[in-house]
Amino acid sequence: SQYYSFVVDSIVANFQRCDTTQEAFLIITNTSSNTDTLIWKRTKHANFPFVWTLSTCDNVQCYLPIVNQRTFYIAAGATAKITMNVTPNGNSGTGIIDLRIVNGGYLKDSISGYYKFNIACKTVGINSVSANSEISIYPSPFQNSFTVTSGSSTKIKFLEVYNILGSLVYKQELNDETVSVNPSNLPKGLYFVTLSDINRKIISTKKIQKD
């Protein structure tokens, strides 16, 4: 038997702006008396615009676009929220994402829930400027440290660095428009820097190389 109830933010999400991060979410409640193991699995359809930035968040953290599934736990009577954050980066279009919640315990292949929505944004004129345009990360490649700068209208609070496997390897709170970041213990390689606001909504994700 399944012991879950589901609440979706919107089956079809129509967003009218292309310059801000938009989100839609699925809320899952475990109505049983036992903690369970679940897996969220996300699939982008072929028509999803490649210029859009997509991240998925659960109760633990937000994951980079390259992470398509993750195991999570939900205690008896607890509620989990799976959120899709989409940043169109100033580009109008329509994309489709499937989000499935799979029981990862005894019935490993059972589908506990299914979530599907369309994302559409329309250009709203000359004022549609991507929030990413105010953000700079340099130098790349870097050796011991790099600098993050943002304009006064871009309120960045949290910085997270992920490796190419999607694992969080460094994090830092930002309180100024120009901040030095010193992840000097990271090995050489390619990383993704995710910047988010005080509500943990992702503003931008950028690639950076360490030499």
N, C-alpha and C. Protein backbone atom coordinates (compact mmCIF):
# COMPACT_ATOMS: atom_id res chain seq x y z
N SER A 1 0.84 -1.19 0.00
CA SER A 1 0.00 0.00 0.00
C SER A 1 0.88 1.25 0.00
N GLN A 2 0.40 2.29 -0.65
CA GLN A 2 1.10 3.56 -0.65
C GLN A 2 0.49 4.47 0.41
N TYR A 3 1.33 5.23 1.07
CA TYR A 3 0.86 6.10 2.13
C TYR A 3 1.29 7.54 1.87
N TYR A 4 1.01 8.02 0.68
CA TYR A 4 1.44 9.36 0.32
C TYR A 4 0.29 10.16 -0.26
N SER A 5 0.27 11.42 0.06
CA SER A 5 -0.63 12.35 -0.61
C SER A 5 0.23 13.37 -1.32
N PHE A 6 -0.25 13.86 -2.46
CA PHE A 6 0.54 14.74 -3.31
C PHE A 6 -0.19 16.05 -3.56
N VAL A 7 0.54 17.13 -3.53
CA VAL A 7 0.00 18.44 -3.89
C VAL A 7 0.96 19.04 -4.91
N VAL A 8 0.44 19.44 -6.06
CA VAL A 8 1.28 20.04 -7.09
C VAL A 8 1.03 21.53 -7.15
N ASP A 9 2.09 22.28 -7.42
CA ASP A 9 1.98 23.72 -7.55
C ASP A 9 1.17 24.08 -8.79
N SER A 10 1.52 23.46 -9.90
CA SER A 10 0.80 23.74 -11.14
C SER A 10 1.13 22.68 -12.17
N ILE A 11 0.13 22.09 -12.78
CA ILE A 11 0.39 21.13 -13.85
C ILE A 11 0.94 21.86 -15.07
N VAL A 12 0.37 23.01 -15.37
CA VAL A 12 0.87 23.83 -16.47
C VAL A 12 1.26 25.18 -15.88
N ALA A 13 2.55 25.48 -15.94
CA ALA A 13 3.05 26.73 -15.38
C ALA A 13 3.36 27.70 -16.50
N ASN A 14 2.63 28.77 -16.58
CA ASN A 14 2.84 29.77 -17.62
C ASN A 14 3.42 31.04 -16.98
N PHE A 15 4.68 31.30 -17.27
CA PHE A 15 5.36 32.44 -16.68
C PHE A 15 5.47 33.56 -17.71
N GLN A 16 5.23 34.77 -17.27
CA GLN A 16 5.18 35.91 -18.19
C GLN A 16 6.49 36.69 -18.26
N ARG A 17 7.48 36.30 -17.47
CA ARG A 17 8.75 37.01 -17.48
C ARG A 17 9.89 36.06 -17.83
N CYS A 18 10.88 36.59 -18.54
CA CYS A 18 12.04 35.79 -18.94
C CYS A 18 13.31 36.22 -18.23
N ASP A 19 13.20 37.17 -17.29
CA ASP A 19 14.39 37.72 -16.67
C ASP A 19 14.54 37.32 -15.21
N THR A 20 13.68 36.44 -14.72
CA THR A 20 13.78 36.01 -13.33
C THR A 20 13.63 34.50 -13.25
N THR A 21 14.14 33.94 -12.16
CA THR A 21 13.99 32.50 -11.93
C THR A 21 12.56 32.20 -11.53
N GLN A 22 11.99 31.17 -12.17
CA GLN A 22 10.62 30.75 -11.87
C GLN A 22 10.66 29.36 -11.23
N GLU A 23 9.66 29.05 -10.44
CA GLU A 23 9.65 27.75 -9.79
C GLU A 23 8.26 27.13 -9.79
N ALA A 24 8.24 25.81 -9.79
CA ALA A 24 7.02 25.04 -9.59
C ALA A 24 7.41 23.87 -8.71
N PHE A 25 6.48 23.38 -7.91
CA PHE A 25 6.88 22.38 -6.93
C PHE A 25 5.83 21.30 -6.71
N LEU A 26 6.30 20.22 -6.13
CA LEU A 26 5.47 19.08 -5.73
C LEU A 26 5.68 18.86 -4.24
N ILE A 27 4.60 18.78 -3.47
CA ILE A 27 4.69 18.53 -2.03
C ILE A 27 4.18 17.12 -1.76
N ILE A 28 4.98 16.35 -1.01
CA ILE A 28 4.67 14.95 -0.70
C ILE A 28 4.54 14.79 0.80
N THR A 29 3.49 14.16 1.25
CA THR A 29 3.30 13.90 2.67
C THR A 29 3.23 12.40 2.92
N ASN A 30 4.06 11.92 3.84
CA ASN A 30 4.07 10.51 4.23
C ASN A 30 3.05 10.32 5.34
N THR A 31 1.94 9.69 5.03
CA THR A 31 0.87 9.52 6.01
C THR A 31 0.96 8.20 6.74
N SER A 32 2.05 7.46 6.54
CA SER A 32 2.23 6.18 7.22
C SER A 32 2.91 6.40 8.57
N SER A 33 3.19 5.31 9.28
CA SER A 33 3.85 5.38 10.59
C SER A 33 5.33 5.03 10.51
N ASN A 34 5.86 4.94 9.29
CA ASN A 34 7.25 4.54 9.10
C ASN A 34 8.00 5.54 8.22
N THR A 35 9.31 5.69 8.49
CA THR A 35 10.17 6.46 7.60
C THR A 35 10.38 5.67 6.31
N ASP A 36 10.36 6.36 5.18
CA ASP A 36 10.51 5.67 3.91
C ASP A 36 11.61 6.32 3.08
N THR A 37 12.12 5.53 2.13
CA THR A 37 13.14 5.99 1.19
C THR A 37 12.50 6.21 -0.16
N LEU A 38 12.67 7.41 -0.70
CA LEU A 38 12.10 7.74 -2.00
C LEU A 38 13.20 8.25 -2.92
N ILE A 39 12.92 8.25 -4.20
CA ILE A 39 13.86 8.77 -5.20
C ILE A 39 13.08 9.71 -6.12
N TRP A 40 13.60 10.91 -6.31
CA TRP A 40 13.02 11.75 -7.35
C TRP A 40 13.85 11.60 -8.62
N LYS A 41 13.13 11.47 -9.73
CA LYS A 41 13.77 11.30 -11.04
C LYS A 41 13.21 12.35 -11.99
N ARG A 42 14.11 13.12 -12.56
CA ARG A 42 13.69 14.22 -13.42
C ARG A 42 14.17 13.98 -14.85
N THR A 43 13.26 14.22 -15.83
CA THR A 43 13.60 14.05 -17.24
C THR A 43 13.18 15.29 -18.01
N LYS A 44 14.13 15.89 -18.72
CA LYS A 44 13.80 17.00 -19.60
C LYS A 44 13.43 16.45 -20.97
N HIS A 45 12.33 16.91 -21.53
CA HIS A 45 11.97 16.51 -22.89
C HIS A 45 12.92 17.16 -23.89
N ALA A 46 12.97 16.59 -25.07
CA ALA A 46 13.94 17.02 -26.09
C ALA A 46 13.76 18.48 -26.48
N ASN A 47 12.55 19.02 -26.31
CA ASN A 47 12.29 20.39 -26.74
C ASN A 47 12.69 21.42 -25.68
N PHE A 48 13.22 20.99 -24.53
CA PHE A 48 13.55 21.93 -23.46
C PHE A 48 14.67 22.85 -23.93
N PRO A 49 14.49 24.19 -23.90
CA PRO A 49 15.50 25.11 -24.44
C PRO A 49 16.86 24.95 -23.77
N PHE A 50 17.90 24.76 -24.55
CA PHE A 50 19.23 24.52 -24.00
C PHE A 50 19.80 25.75 -23.32
N VAL A 51 19.26 26.94 -23.61
CA VAL A 51 19.76 28.17 -22.99
C VAL A 51 19.14 28.42 -21.63
N TRP A 52 18.14 27.64 -21.25
CA TRP A 52 17.55 27.78 -19.93
C TRP A 52 18.39 27.03 -18.89
N THR A 53 18.44 27.57 -17.68
CA THR A 53 19.12 26.91 -16.56
C THR A 53 18.08 26.25 -15.67
N LEU A 54 18.31 24.99 -15.35
CA LEU A 54 17.35 24.22 -14.55
C LEU A 54 18.06 23.61 -13.36
N SER A 55 17.47 23.73 -12.18
CA SER A 55 17.98 23.03 -11.00
C SER A 55 16.80 22.40 -10.26
N THR A 56 17.09 21.36 -9.50
CA THR A 56 16.08 20.67 -8.72
C THR A 56 16.47 20.73 -7.25
N CYS A 57 15.51 21.04 -6.39
CA CYS A 57 15.78 21.14 -4.96
C CYS A 57 14.86 20.19 -4.20
N ASP A 58 15.43 19.53 -3.17
CA ASP A 58 14.60 18.78 -2.23
C ASP A 58 14.80 19.38 -0.84
N ASN A 59 14.41 18.66 0.21
CA ASN A 59 14.52 19.22 1.56
C ASN A 59 15.96 19.35 2.03
N VAL A 60 16.90 18.73 1.32
CA VAL A 60 18.29 18.74 1.74
C VAL A 60 19.06 19.88 1.09
N GLN A 61 19.00 19.99 -0.25
CA GLN A 61 19.75 21.02 -0.96
C GLN A 61 19.25 21.13 -2.39
N CYS A 62 19.84 22.08 -3.13
CA CYS A 62 19.56 22.22 -4.55
C CYS A 62 20.68 21.58 -5.35
N TYR A 63 20.31 20.98 -6.50
CA TYR A 63 21.27 20.23 -7.29
C TYR A 63 21.41 20.85 -8.67
N LEU A 64 22.59 20.68 -9.24
CA LEU A 64 22.90 21.23 -10.55
C LEU A 64 22.09 20.57 -11.65
N PRO A 65 22.04 21.20 -12.83
CA PRO A 65 21.28 20.61 -13.95
C PRO A 65 21.72 19.21 -14.34
N ILE A 66 22.98 18.84 -14.06
CA ILE A 66 23.46 17.52 -14.47
C ILE A 66 22.95 16.42 -13.55
N VAL A 67 22.36 16.77 -12.40
CA VAL A 67 21.83 15.78 -11.47
C VAL A 67 20.37 15.51 -11.82
N ASN A 68 20.08 14.30 -12.27
CA ASN A 68 18.74 13.95 -12.73
C ASN A 68 17.95 13.10 -11.76
N GLN A 69 18.59 12.62 -10.71
CA GLN A 69 17.86 11.87 -9.69
C GLN A 69 18.63 11.89 -8.39
N ARG A 70 17.91 11.71 -7.28
CA ARG A 70 18.54 11.71 -5.98
C ARG A 70 17.64 10.99 -4.98
N THR A 71 18.24 10.22 -4.10
CA THR A 71 17.51 9.54 -3.03
C THR A 71 17.28 10.50 -1.87
N PHE A 72 16.10 10.43 -1.27
CA PHE A 72 15.84 11.22 -0.07
C PHE A 72 14.94 10.42 0.87
N TYR A 73 14.89 10.86 2.12
CA TYR A 73 14.13 10.15 3.14
C TYR A 73 13.01 11.05 3.66
N ILE A 74 11.90 10.41 3.98
CA ILE A 74 10.76 11.16 4.50
C ILE A 74 10.21 10.41 5.72
N ALA A 75 10.22 11.08 6.85
CA ALA A 75 9.81 10.45 8.10
C ALA A 75 8.29 10.31 8.17
N ALA A 76 7.84 9.48 9.09
CA ALA A 76 6.40 9.28 9.28
C ALA A 76 5.72 10.60 9.60
N GLY A 77 4.67 10.91 8.86
CA GLY A 77 3.93 12.14 9.08
C GLY A 77 4.61 13.39 8.56
N ALA A 78 5.79 13.25 7.96
CA ALA A 78 6.54 14.41 7.49
C ALA A 78 6.15 14.79 6.07
N THR A 79 6.55 15.99 5.68
CA THR A 79 6.28 16.51 4.35
C THR A 79 7.58 16.88 3.65
N ALA A 80 7.70 16.53 2.39
CA ALA A 80 8.87 16.90 1.58
C ALA A 80 8.39 17.76 0.42
N LYS A 81 9.28 18.65 -0.03
CA LYS A 81 8.97 19.54 -1.14
C LYS A 81 10.04 19.40 -2.20
N ILE A 82 9.65 19.05 -3.41
CA ILE A 82 10.57 18.96 -4.54
C ILE A 82 10.27 20.15 -5.45
N THR A 83 11.29 20.98 -5.68
CA THR A 83 11.09 22.23 -6.42
C THR A 83 11.90 22.24 -7.69
N MET A 84 11.31 22.71 -8.77
CA MET A 84 11.99 22.94 -10.03
C MET A 84 12.24 24.44 -10.17
N ASN A 85 13.51 24.84 -10.30
CA ASN A 85 13.85 26.24 -10.53
C ASN A 85 14.33 26.40 -11.97
N VAL A 86 13.68 27.24 -12.71
CA VAL A 86 14.02 27.46 -14.12
C VAL A 86 14.36 28.93 -14.33
N THR A 87 15.55 29.18 -14.88
CA THR A 87 15.96 30.53 -15.24
C THR A 87 16.05 30.62 -16.76
N PRO A 88 15.13 31.32 -17.42
CA PRO A 88 15.13 31.39 -18.89
C PRO A 88 16.28 32.19 -19.47
N ASN A 89 16.99 32.96 -18.63
CA ASN A 89 18.13 33.76 -19.10
C ASN A 89 17.77 34.69 -20.26
N GLY A 90 16.56 35.26 -20.16
CA GLY A 90 16.14 36.24 -21.15
C GLY A 90 15.57 35.65 -22.43
N ASN A 91 15.40 34.32 -22.48
CA ASN A 91 14.94 33.66 -23.71
C ASN A 91 13.55 33.09 -23.54
N SER A 92 12.63 33.50 -24.41
CA SER A 92 11.27 32.98 -24.36
C SER A 92 11.24 31.58 -24.96
N GLY A 93 10.21 30.82 -24.63
CA GLY A 93 10.08 29.47 -25.16
C GLY A 93 9.19 28.61 -24.27
N THR A 94 9.11 27.34 -24.61
CA THR A 94 8.31 26.39 -23.86
C THR A 94 9.11 25.11 -23.66
N GLY A 95 9.07 24.57 -22.45
CA GLY A 95 9.77 23.32 -22.16
C GLY A 95 8.93 22.42 -21.29
N ILE A 96 9.20 21.14 -21.34
CA ILE A 96 8.44 20.16 -20.56
C ILE A 96 9.41 19.33 -19.73
N ILE A 97 9.05 19.12 -18.46
CA ILE A 97 9.84 18.31 -17.54
C ILE A 97 8.92 17.28 -16.89
N ASP A 98 9.38 16.05 -16.81
CA ASP A 98 8.68 15.02 -16.06
C ASP A 98 9.40 14.82 -14.73
N LEU A 99 8.65 14.79 -13.64
CA LEU A 99 9.22 14.52 -12.32
C LEU A 99 8.48 13.34 -11.72
N ARG A 100 9.21 12.26 -11.47
CA ARG A 100 8.61 11.05 -10.89
C ARG A 100 9.17 10.82 -9.50
N ILE A 101 8.30 10.41 -8.60
CA ILE A 101 8.71 10.04 -7.26
C ILE A 101 8.60 8.52 -7.15
N VAL A 102 9.74 7.87 -6.93
CA VAL A 102 9.80 6.41 -6.94
C VAL A 102 10.06 5.91 -5.54
N ASN A 103 9.34 4.88 -5.14
CA ASN A 103 9.57 4.25 -3.84
C ASN A 103 10.89 3.51 -3.87
N GLY A 104 11.85 3.92 -3.05
CA GLY A 104 13.18 3.33 -3.06
C GLY A 104 13.37 2.26 -2.02
N GLY A 105 12.31 1.89 -1.33
CA GLY A 105 12.43 0.87 -0.29
C GLY A 105 12.13 -0.51 -0.80
N TYR A 106 11.15 -1.16 -0.23
CA TYR A 106 10.84 -2.55 -0.56
C TYR A 106 10.36 -2.68 -2.00
N LEU A 107 9.49 -1.78 -2.44
CA LEU A 107 8.97 -1.82 -3.81
C LEU A 107 9.77 -0.83 -4.66
N LYS A 108 10.96 -1.25 -5.10
CA LYS A 108 11.91 -0.33 -5.71
C LYS A 108 11.43 0.27 -7.03
N ASP A 109 10.56 -0.43 -7.75
CA ASP A 109 10.16 0.06 -9.07
C ASP A 109 8.77 0.70 -9.08
N SER A 110 8.14 0.82 -7.94
CA SER A 110 6.79 1.37 -7.92
C SER A 110 6.84 2.88 -8.06
N ILE A 111 5.91 3.44 -8.81
CA ILE A 111 5.82 4.88 -9.00
C ILE A 111 4.86 5.44 -7.97
N SER A 112 5.38 6.26 -7.07
CA SER A 112 4.55 6.83 -6.02
C SER A 112 3.83 8.08 -6.49
N GLY A 113 4.41 8.77 -7.43
CA GLY A 113 3.78 9.99 -7.92
C GLY A 113 4.34 10.39 -9.27
N TYR A 114 3.61 11.24 -9.95
CA TYR A 114 4.03 11.67 -11.29
C TYR A 114 3.69 13.15 -11.44
N TYR A 115 4.64 13.90 -11.90
CA TYR A 115 4.45 15.35 -12.00
C TYR A 115 4.94 15.81 -13.36
N LYS A 116 4.13 16.53 -14.07
CA LYS A 116 4.49 17.00 -15.40
C LYS A 116 3.96 18.42 -15.58
N PHE A 117 4.82 19.29 -16.08
CA PHE A 117 4.33 20.64 -16.32
C PHE A 117 5.04 21.27 -17.51
N ASN A 118 4.37 22.21 -18.12
CA ASN A 118 4.95 23.02 -19.19
C ASN A 118 5.47 24.32 -18.59
N ILE A 119 6.54 24.81 -19.13
CA ILE A 119 7.09 26.09 -18.70
C ILE A 119 7.11 27.00 -19.91
N ALA A 120 6.49 28.15 -19.80
CA ALA A 120 6.47 29.09 -20.91
C ALA A 120 6.72 30.48 -20.37
N CYS A 121 7.54 31.25 -21.05
CA CYS A 121 7.70 32.65 -20.68
C CYS A 121 7.64 33.47 -21.95
N LYS A 122 7.21 34.69 -21.80
CA LYS A 122 7.09 35.58 -22.94
C LYS A 122 7.97 36.81 -22.69
N THR A 123 8.68 37.23 -23.70
CA THR A 123 9.49 38.42 -23.57
C THR A 123 8.58 39.62 -23.30
N VAL A 124 8.94 40.41 -22.29
CA VAL A 124 8.07 41.51 -21.89
C VAL A 124 8.59 42.86 -22.36
N GLY A 125 9.49 42.87 -23.32
CA GLY A 125 9.93 44.13 -23.90
C GLY A 125 11.36 44.47 -23.56
N ILE A 126 11.69 45.76 -23.72
CA ILE A 126 13.07 46.18 -23.61
C ILE A 126 13.62 46.02 -22.20
N ASN A 127 12.75 45.94 -21.20
CA ASN A 127 13.20 45.83 -19.82
C ASN A 127 13.54 44.40 -19.42
N SER A 128 13.38 43.44 -20.32
CA SER A 128 13.68 42.05 -20.01
C SER A 128 15.19 41.81 -20.11
N VAL A 129 15.87 42.04 -19.01
CA VAL A 129 17.31 41.84 -18.95
C VAL A 129 17.60 40.68 -18.01
N SER A 130 18.41 39.74 -18.46
CA SER A 130 18.74 38.59 -17.64
C SER A 130 19.44 39.03 -16.37
N ALA A 131 19.02 38.44 -15.22
CA ALA A 131 19.67 38.74 -13.95
C ALA A 131 21.13 38.33 -13.98
N ASN A 132 21.48 37.39 -14.85
CA ASN A 132 22.86 36.91 -14.93
C ASN A 132 23.82 37.97 -15.45
N SER A 133 23.30 38.98 -16.16
CA SER A 133 24.18 39.96 -16.79
C SER A 133 24.93 40.79 -15.77
N GLU A 134 24.47 40.86 -14.53
CA GLU A 134 25.13 41.65 -13.51
C GLU A 134 26.18 40.86 -12.75
N ILE A 135 26.28 39.57 -12.99
CA ILE A 135 27.14 38.71 -12.21
C ILE A 135 28.40 38.35 -13.00
N SER A 136 29.54 38.49 -12.34
CA SER A 136 30.82 38.09 -12.94
C SER A 136 31.60 37.23 -11.96
N ILE A 137 32.24 36.18 -12.49
CA ILE A 137 33.12 35.34 -11.69
C ILE A 137 34.46 35.25 -12.43
N TYR A 138 35.53 35.62 -11.75
CA TYR A 138 36.83 35.67 -12.41
C TYR A 138 37.94 35.51 -11.36
N PRO A 139 39.15 35.09 -11.76
CA PRO A 139 39.48 34.60 -13.10
C PRO A 139 39.06 33.14 -13.28
N SER A 140 38.99 32.70 -14.49
CA SER A 140 38.78 31.29 -14.81
C SER A 140 39.68 30.94 -15.99
N PRO A 141 40.65 30.07 -15.77
CA PRO A 141 40.85 29.28 -14.56
C PRO A 141 41.44 30.08 -13.41
N PHE A 142 41.23 29.57 -12.17
CA PHE A 142 41.82 30.18 -10.98
C PHE A 142 42.73 29.16 -10.30
N GLN A 143 43.56 29.66 -9.38
CA GLN A 143 44.48 28.77 -8.67
C GLN A 143 44.05 28.58 -7.22
N ASN A 144 43.99 29.65 -6.45
CA ASN A 144 43.62 29.54 -5.04
C ASN A 144 42.31 30.24 -4.70
N SER A 145 41.98 31.26 -5.45
CA SER A 145 40.77 32.03 -5.15
C SER A 145 40.19 32.64 -6.41
N PHE A 146 38.91 33.01 -6.35
CA PHE A 146 38.28 33.75 -7.43
C PHE A 146 37.36 34.80 -6.83
N THR A 147 36.93 35.73 -7.64
CA THR A 147 36.12 36.86 -7.18
C THR A 147 34.73 36.80 -7.81
N VAL A 148 33.72 37.10 -7.00
CA VAL A 148 32.33 37.18 -7.47
C VAL A 148 31.88 38.63 -7.33
N THR A 149 31.40 39.21 -8.40
CA THR A 149 30.84 40.57 -8.35
C THR A 149 29.42 40.54 -8.88
N SER A 150 28.58 41.38 -8.29
CA SER A 150 27.19 41.49 -8.73
C SER A 150 26.74 42.93 -8.59
N GLY A 151 25.72 43.30 -9.36
CA GLY A 151 25.18 44.64 -9.28
C GLY A 151 24.32 44.82 -8.04
N SER A 152 23.98 46.04 -7.74
CA SER A 152 23.21 46.34 -6.53
C SER A 152 21.80 45.75 -6.57
N SER A 153 21.28 45.48 -7.78
CA SER A 153 19.92 44.94 -7.88
C SER A 153 19.88 43.42 -7.80
N THR A 154 21.04 42.78 -7.78
CA THR A 154 21.10 41.32 -7.68
C THR A 154 21.50 40.94 -6.27
N LYS A 155 20.55 40.46 -5.49
CA LYS A 155 20.77 40.20 -4.07
C LYS A 155 21.23 38.76 -3.85
N ILE A 156 22.53 38.53 -4.01
CA ILE A 156 23.08 37.20 -3.79
C ILE A 156 23.41 37.01 -2.31
N LYS A 157 23.01 35.88 -1.75
CA LYS A 157 23.28 35.59 -0.34
C LYS A 157 24.15 34.35 -0.17
N PHE A 158 23.92 33.33 -1.00
CA PHE A 158 24.63 32.07 -0.82
C PHE A 158 25.39 31.68 -2.08
N LEU A 159 26.59 31.18 -1.89
CA LEU A 159 27.41 30.64 -2.97
C LEU A 159 27.72 29.18 -2.67
N GLU A 160 27.51 28.32 -3.66
CA GLU A 160 27.82 26.89 -3.52
C GLU A 160 28.62 26.44 -4.73
N VAL A 161 29.64 25.63 -4.50
CA VAL A 161 30.47 25.09 -5.56
C VAL A 161 30.25 23.58 -5.64
N TYR A 162 29.95 23.08 -6.85
CA TYR A 162 29.71 21.67 -7.07
C TYR A 162 30.74 21.12 -8.05
N ASN A 163 31.10 19.85 -7.86
CA ASN A 163 31.98 19.21 -8.84
C ASN A 163 31.14 18.66 -9.99
N ILE A 164 31.77 18.04 -10.97
CA ILE A 164 31.05 17.59 -12.17
C ILE A 164 30.11 16.43 -11.88
N LEU A 165 30.23 15.80 -10.69
CA LEU A 165 29.32 14.73 -10.30
C LEU A 165 28.09 15.27 -9.59
N GLY A 166 28.07 16.58 -9.36
CA GLY A 166 26.92 17.20 -8.69
C GLY A 166 27.02 17.22 -7.19
N SER A 167 28.21 16.92 -6.63
CA SER A 167 28.39 16.93 -5.18
C SER A 167 28.82 18.31 -4.70
N LEU A 168 28.23 18.76 -3.60
CA LEU A 168 28.60 20.05 -3.02
C LEU A 168 29.98 19.93 -2.38
N VAL A 169 30.93 20.80 -2.79
CA VAL A 169 32.30 20.71 -2.29
C VAL A 169 32.73 21.98 -1.56
N TYR A 170 31.94 23.04 -1.65
CA TYR A 170 32.30 24.29 -0.97
C TYR A 170 31.06 25.17 -0.90
N LYS A 171 30.93 25.94 0.20
CA LYS A 171 29.82 26.89 0.30
C LYS A 171 30.26 28.10 1.12
N GLN A 172 29.61 29.22 0.87
CA GLN A 172 29.98 30.46 1.53
C GLN A 172 28.82 31.44 1.45
N GLU A 173 28.60 32.21 2.51
CA GLU A 173 27.60 33.27 2.48
C GLU A 173 28.25 34.55 1.95
N LEU A 174 27.48 35.29 1.16
CA LEU A 174 27.97 36.52 0.56
C LEU A 174 27.20 37.71 1.12
N ASN A 175 27.92 38.74 1.55
CA ASN A 175 27.28 39.91 2.13
C ASN A 175 27.64 41.21 1.42
N ASP A 176 28.47 41.12 0.38
CA ASP A 176 28.88 42.31 -0.36
C ASP A 176 28.72 42.05 -1.86
N GLU A 177 28.76 43.14 -2.63
CA GLU A 177 28.62 43.02 -4.08
C GLU A 177 29.87 42.43 -4.72
N THR A 178 31.03 42.57 -4.06
CA THR A 178 32.27 41.98 -4.53
C THR A 178 32.88 41.16 -3.40
N VAL A 179 33.05 39.86 -3.65
CA VAL A 179 33.51 38.95 -2.60
C VAL A 179 34.60 38.05 -3.16
N SER A 180 35.64 37.83 -2.35
CA SER A 180 36.69 36.88 -2.70
C SER A 180 36.34 35.51 -2.13
N VAL A 181 36.45 34.48 -2.96
CA VAL A 181 36.13 33.11 -2.57
C VAL A 181 37.42 32.29 -2.62
N ASN A 182 37.66 31.53 -1.56
CA ASN A 182 38.96 30.84 -1.45
C ASN A 182 38.81 29.33 -1.22
N PRO A 183 38.33 28.60 -2.21
CA PRO A 183 38.25 27.13 -2.08
C PRO A 183 39.57 26.48 -2.46
N SER A 184 40.65 26.85 -1.76
CA SER A 184 42.01 26.48 -2.17
C SER A 184 42.29 24.98 -2.05
N ASN A 185 41.48 24.26 -1.26
CA ASN A 185 41.74 22.83 -1.08
C ASN A 185 41.11 21.96 -2.16
N LEU A 186 40.45 22.55 -3.13
CA LEU A 186 39.82 21.76 -4.19
C LEU A 186 40.87 21.28 -5.18
N PRO A 187 40.73 20.05 -5.68
CA PRO A 187 41.65 19.57 -6.72
C PRO A 187 41.39 20.29 -8.04
N LYS A 188 42.32 20.20 -8.95
CA LYS A 188 42.16 20.80 -10.27
C LYS A 188 40.98 20.17 -11.00
N GLY A 189 40.27 20.99 -11.79
CA GLY A 189 39.15 20.45 -12.55
C GLY A 189 38.08 21.48 -12.81
N LEU A 190 36.97 21.02 -13.39
CA LEU A 190 35.83 21.87 -13.73
C LEU A 190 34.82 21.85 -12.60
N TYR A 191 34.28 23.03 -12.28
CA TYR A 191 33.29 23.15 -11.21
C TYR A 191 32.13 24.04 -11.68
N PHE A 192 31.02 23.93 -10.93
CA PHE A 192 29.85 24.77 -11.18
C PHE A 192 29.60 25.61 -9.94
N VAL A 193 29.50 26.92 -10.13
CA VAL A 193 29.24 27.84 -9.03
C VAL A 193 27.78 28.26 -9.09
N THR A 194 27.03 27.96 -8.03
CA THR A 194 25.63 28.31 -7.96
C THR A 194 25.44 29.45 -6.98
N LEU A 195 24.74 30.50 -7.42
CA LEU A 195 24.49 31.67 -6.60
C LEU A 195 22.99 31.79 -6.35
N SER A 196 22.60 31.98 -5.10
CA SER A 196 21.17 32.03 -4.78
C SER A 196 20.89 33.16 -3.80
N ASP A 197 19.61 33.53 -3.71
CA ASP A 197 19.23 34.63 -2.83
C ASP A 197 18.93 34.12 -1.43
N ILE A 198 18.44 35.00 -0.56
CA ILE A 198 18.22 34.65 0.84
C ILE A 198 17.17 33.56 1.01
N ASN A 199 16.30 33.39 0.00
CA ASN A 199 15.27 32.35 0.05
C ASN A 199 15.71 31.06 -0.63
N ARG A 200 17.02 31.00 -0.96
CA ARG A 200 17.62 29.83 -1.62
C ARG A 200 17.13 29.65 -3.05
N LYS A 201 16.58 30.68 -3.64
CA LYS A 201 16.21 30.61 -5.05
C LYS A 201 17.45 30.89 -5.89
N ILE A 202 17.76 29.99 -6.80
CA ILE A 202 18.97 30.11 -7.59
C ILE A 202 18.86 31.28 -8.57
N ILE A 203 19.86 32.16 -8.55
CA ILE A 203 19.91 33.31 -9.45
C ILE A 203 20.73 32.98 -10.69
N SER A 204 21.84 32.26 -10.49
CA SER A 204 22.72 31.97 -11.61
C SER A 204 23.58 30.76 -11.29
N THR A 205 23.93 30.00 -12.33
CA THR A 205 24.90 28.91 -12.23
C THR A 205 25.94 29.10 -13.32
N LYS A 206 27.21 29.14 -12.93
CA LYS A 206 28.29 29.39 -13.88
C LYS A 206 29.38 28.34 -13.74
N LYS A 207 30.04 28.06 -14.86
CA LYS A 207 31.17 27.13 -14.86
C LYS A 207 32.45 27.88 -14.50
N ILE A 208 33.37 27.16 -13.81
CA ILE A 208 34.67 27.74 -13.50
C ILE A 208 35.69 26.62 -13.46
N GLN A 209 36.89 26.93 -13.86
CA GLN A 209 37.98 25.93 -13.93
C GLN A 209 39.04 26.25 -12.89
N LYS A 210 39.52 25.20 -12.19
CA LYS A 210 40.64 25.39 -11.28
C LYS A 210 41.88 24.72 -11.87
N ASP A 211 43.00 25.46 -11.92
CA ASP A 211 44.27 24.94 -12.40
C ASP A 211 45.17 24.53 -11.24
